C-alpha atoms as a PDB file:
ATOM      1  CA  MET A   1       6.858  10.077  -4.315  1.00  0.00           C
ATOM      2  CA  LEU A   2       5.104   9.576  -1.174  1.00  0.00           C
ATOM      3  CA  ALA A   3       5.535  10.631   2.004  1.00  0.00           C
ATOM      4  CA  ILE A   4       4.180   7.848   4.388  1.00  0.00           C
ATOM      5  CA  GLU A   5       4.919  10.937   7.330  1.00  0.00           C
ATOM      6  CA  GLN A   6       2.078  13.346   6.086  1.00  0.00           C
ATOM      7  CA  LEU A   7      -0.980  10.499   5.559  1.00  0.00           C
ATOM      8  CA  ASP A   8      -3.030   9.832   8.266  1.00  0.00           C
ATOM      9  CA  MET A   9      -3.927   6.343  10.172  1.00  0.00           C
ATOM     10  CA  THR A  10      -7.015   5.576   7.583  1.00  0.00           C
ATOM     11  CA  ALA A  11      -5.050   6.349   4.697  1.00  0.00           C
ATOM     12  CA  LEU A  12      -2.434   4.177   5.814  1.00  0.00           C
ATOM     13  CA  ALA A  13      -4.758   1.497   6.491  1.00  0.00           C
ATOM     14  CA  GLU A  14      -5.483   1.239   2.756  1.00  0.00           C
ATOM     15  CA  LEU A  15      -2.176   1.856   1.810  1.00  0.00           C
ATOM     16  CA  ALA A  16      -1.425  -1.442   3.370  1.00  0.00           C
ATOM     17  CA  VAL A  17      -4.967  -3.208   1.967  1.00  0.00           C
ATOM     18  CA  ALA A  18      -3.768  -2.027  -1.267  1.00  0.00           C
ATOM     19  CA  ILE A  19      -0.218  -3.507  -0.853  1.00  0.00           C
ATOM     20  CA  THR A  20      -1.401  -6.597   0.079  1.00  0.00           C
ATOM     21  CA  ALA A  21      -4.043  -6.644  -2.999  1.00  0.00           C
ATOM     22  CA  VAL A  22      -0.761  -6.100  -5.621  1.00  0.00           C
ATOM     23  CA  LEU A  23       1.484  -8.724  -3.647  1.00  0.00           C
ATOM     24  CA  ASP A  24      -1.367 -11.108  -3.057  1.00  0.00           C
ATOM     25  CA  SER A  25      -2.750 -10.830  -6.842  1.00  0.00           C
ATOM     26  CA  ARG A  26       0.916 -12.109  -7.996  1.00  0.00           C
ATOM     27  CA  THR A  27       1.514 -15.736  -8.744  1.00  0.00           C
ATOM     28  CA  HIS A  28       4.373 -18.405  -9.320  1.00  0.00           C
ATOM     29  CA  ARG A  29       4.723 -21.358 -11.169  1.00  0.00           C
ATOM     30  CA  ARG A  30       5.289 -24.837  -9.241  1.00  0.00           C
ATOM     31  CA  LYS A  31       6.163 -28.119 -10.243  1.00  0.00           C
ATOM     32  CA  TYR A  32       3.381 -30.825  -8.152  1.00  0.00           C
ATOM     33  CA  LEU A  33       3.350 -34.650  -9.281  1.00  0.00           C
ATOM     34  CA  GLY A  34       5.586 -33.640 -12.587  1.00  0.00           C
ATOM     35  CA  GLU A  35       3.337 -31.147 -13.820  1.00  0.00           C
ATOM     36  CA  GLU A  36       3.295 -27.459 -13.688  1.00  0.00           C
ATOM     37  CA  ILE A  37       0.339 -25.069 -11.863  1.00  0.00           C
ATOM     38  CA  LEU A  38      -0.089 -21.848 -10.982  1.00  0.00           C
ATOM     39  CA  VAL A  39       0.129 -20.941  -6.617  1.00  0.00           C
ATOM     40  CA  LYS A  40      -1.290 -17.987  -5.628  1.00  0.00           C
ATOM     41  CA  GLY A  41       1.353 -15.858  -4.031  1.00  0.00           C
ATOM     42  CA  SER A  42       2.119 -15.005  -0.052  1.00  0.00           C
ATOM     43  CA  LEU A  43       4.410 -12.451  -0.061  1.00  0.00           C
ATOM     44  CA  SER A  44       1.903 -10.066   2.096  1.00  0.00           C
ATOM     45  CA  LYS A  45       2.503 -13.002   4.460  1.00  0.00           C
ATOM     46  CA  ALA A  46       5.554 -13.379   4.174  1.00  0.00           C
ATOM     47  CA  LEU A  47       6.467  -9.610   4.653  1.00  0.00           C
ATOM     48  CA  HIS A  48       3.733  -9.365   8.037  1.00  0.00           C
ATOM     49  CA  LEU A  49       1.516  -7.271   6.069  1.00  0.00           C
ATOM     50  CA  PRO A  50      -1.342  -8.280   8.686  1.00  0.00           C
ATOM     51  CA  ASP A  51       0.731  -7.279  11.190  1.00  0.00           C
ATOM     52  CA  ILE A  52       0.925  -4.047  10.350  1.00  0.00           C
ATOM     53  CA  GLN A  53      -2.710  -3.801   9.336  1.00  0.00           C
ATOM     54  CA  ARG A  54      -3.661  -4.732  13.226  1.00  0.00           C
ATOM     55  CA  ARG A  55      -0.780  -2.543  14.176  1.00  0.00           C
ATOM     56  CA  LEU A  56      -2.604   0.114  12.421  1.00  0.00           C
ATOM     57  CA  GLN A  57      -5.802  -0.205  13.404  1.00  0.00           C
ATOM     58  CA  SER A  58      -4.773  -0.389  17.587  1.00  0.00           C
ATOM     59  CA  SER A  59      -6.315   1.661  19.477  1.00  0.00           C
ATOM     60  CA  ARG A  60      -2.957   2.372  21.208  1.00  0.00           C
ATOM     61  CA  GLU A  61      -1.018   5.472  19.411  1.00  0.00           C
ATOM     62  CA  GLU A  62       2.462   3.481  20.942  1.00  0.00           C
ATOM     63  CA  LYS A  63       1.714   0.185  18.271  1.00  0.00           C
ATOM     64  CA  ARG A  64       0.211   2.839  15.467  1.00  0.00           C
ATOM     65  CA  GLN A  65       3.037   4.323  15.335  1.00  0.00           C
ATOM     66  CA  GLN A  66       5.124   1.240  15.261  1.00  0.00           C
ATOM     67  CA  GLY A  67       2.556   0.084  12.270  1.00  0.00           C
ATOM     68  CA  ARG A  68       3.040   3.639  10.207  1.00  0.00           C
ATOM     69  CA  ASP A  69       7.233   3.165  10.647  1.00  0.00           C
ATOM     70  CA  GLU A  70       6.717  -0.184   9.642  1.00  0.00           C
ATOM     71  CA  LEU A  71       5.264   0.556   6.887  1.00  0.00           C
ATOM     72  CA  ALA A  72       7.441   3.467   5.880  1.00  0.00           C
ATOM     73  CA  ARG A  73      10.312   1.036   6.124  1.00  0.00           C
ATOM     74  CA  LEU A  74       7.988  -1.831   3.902  1.00  0.00           C
ATOM     75  CA  TRP A  75       7.318   1.209   1.110  1.00  0.00           C
ATOM     76  CA  GLN A  76      10.748   1.966   0.918  1.00  0.00           C
ATOM     77  CA  SER A  77      11.445  -1.640  -0.055  1.00  0.00           C
ATOM     78  CA  LEU A  78       9.168  -2.275  -2.812  1.00  0.00           C
ATOM     79  CA  SER A  79      10.240  -1.519  -6.305  1.00  0.00           C
ATOM     80  CA  PRO A  80       9.190   1.417  -8.107  1.00  0.00           C
ATOM     81  CA  ALA A  81       6.890  -0.957 -10.286  1.00  0.00           C
ATOM     82  CA  THR A  82       4.877  -2.526  -7.198  1.00  0.00           C
ATOM     83  CA  ARG A  83       4.599   1.261  -5.919  1.00  0.00           C
ATOM     84  CA  ASP A  84       3.066   2.551  -9.240  1.00  0.00           C
ATOM     85  CA  ALA A  85       0.446  -0.718  -9.256  1.00  0.00           C
ATOM     86  CA  VAL A  86      -0.244   0.204  -5.624  1.00  0.00           C
ATOM     87  CA  ILE A  87      -1.088   3.628  -6.216  1.00  0.00           C
ATOM     88  CA  THR A  88      -3.133   2.435  -9.138  1.00  0.00           C
ATOM     89  CA  GLN A  89      -5.176   0.309  -7.128  1.00  0.00           C
ATOM     90  CA  LEU A  90      -5.933   2.621  -4.730  1.00  0.00           C
ATOM     91  CA  GLY A  91      -6.662   5.530  -7.367  1.00  0.00           C
ATOM     92  CA  TRP A  92      -4.659   8.383  -5.832  1.00  0.00           C
ATOM     93  CA  TYR A  93      -2.513  10.342  -8.229  1.00  0.00           C
ATOM     94  CA  ASP A  94      -1.313  13.803  -7.693  1.00  0.00           C
ATOM     95  CA  PRO A  95      -3.502  16.257  -9.455  1.00  0.00           C
ATOM     96  CA  HIS A  96      -0.867  19.084 -10.045  1.00  0.00           C
ATOM     97  CA  GLN A  97       0.569  16.177 -12.765  1.00  0.00           C
ATOM     98  CA  LEU A  98      -2.243  16.453 -14.639  1.00  0.00           C
ATOM     99  CA  ASP A  99      -2.968  17.834 -17.919  1.00  0.00           C
ATOM    100  CA  TRP A 100      -4.911  21.355 -18.144  1.00  0.00           C
ATOM    101  CA  ASP A 101      -7.701  19.440 -20.094  1.00  0.00           C
ATOM    102  CA  ASP A 102      -7.944  16.291 -18.057  1.00  0.00           C
ATOM    103  CA  PRO A 103     -11.451  16.237 -16.392  1.00  0.00           C
ATOM    104  CA  ARG A 104     -10.407  14.482 -12.639  1.00  0.00           C
ATOM    105  CA  SER A 105      -9.234  17.804 -11.606  1.00  0.00           C
ATOM    106  CA  ASN A 106      -8.944  17.048  -7.293  1.00  0.00           C
ATOM    107  CA  ARG A 107     -11.868  14.718  -7.307  1.00  0.00           C
ATOM    108  CA  ARG A 108      -9.645  12.656  -5.286  1.00  0.00           C
ATOM    109  CA  PRO A 109      -7.028  12.068  -2.336  1.00  0.00           C
ATOM    110  CA  VAL A 110      -3.754  13.803  -3.144  1.00  0.00           C
ATOM    111  CA  LEU A 111      -1.027  11.423  -2.833  1.00  0.00           C
ATOM    112  CA  THR A 112       0.316  13.852   0.685  1.00  0.00           C
ATOM    113  CA  PRO A 113      -3.206  14.421   2.510  1.00  0.00           C
ATOM    114  CA  THR A 114      -2.892  15.948   6.185  1.00  0.00           C
ATOM    115  CA  LYS A 115      -1.794  15.069   9.058  1.00  0.00           C
ATOM    116  CA  ASP A 116      -3.876  12.833  12.264  1.00  0.00           C
ATOM    117  CA  LYS A 117      -5.591  15.120  14.410  1.00  0.00           C
ATOM    118  CA  PRO A 118      -5.269  13.798  18.034  1.00  0.00           C
END
């Protein structure tokens, strides 16, 4: 399980971008003039992800904390399949869950990086 509180601001920004990419890659069918068309998803805008990304990149600590809290609430509301898709999009994995013979070992970030340094 990904602990949002343990991620630094860089990792949080990457997470927000990956959530946006996963949600925007979805499509749905709509009838337009009697014809079915595929429409690009806009769930990230409905969930205010651009605002959260802007807060995470703010120079003010209180805005960054507000963005972190909003992202944590959003992350908890996502389905397990969507969470897995986001983690796959980022390329993150827990090295402790790998097989002994897996060549990846510790080459990519662990799911719980260290906290921000003031």
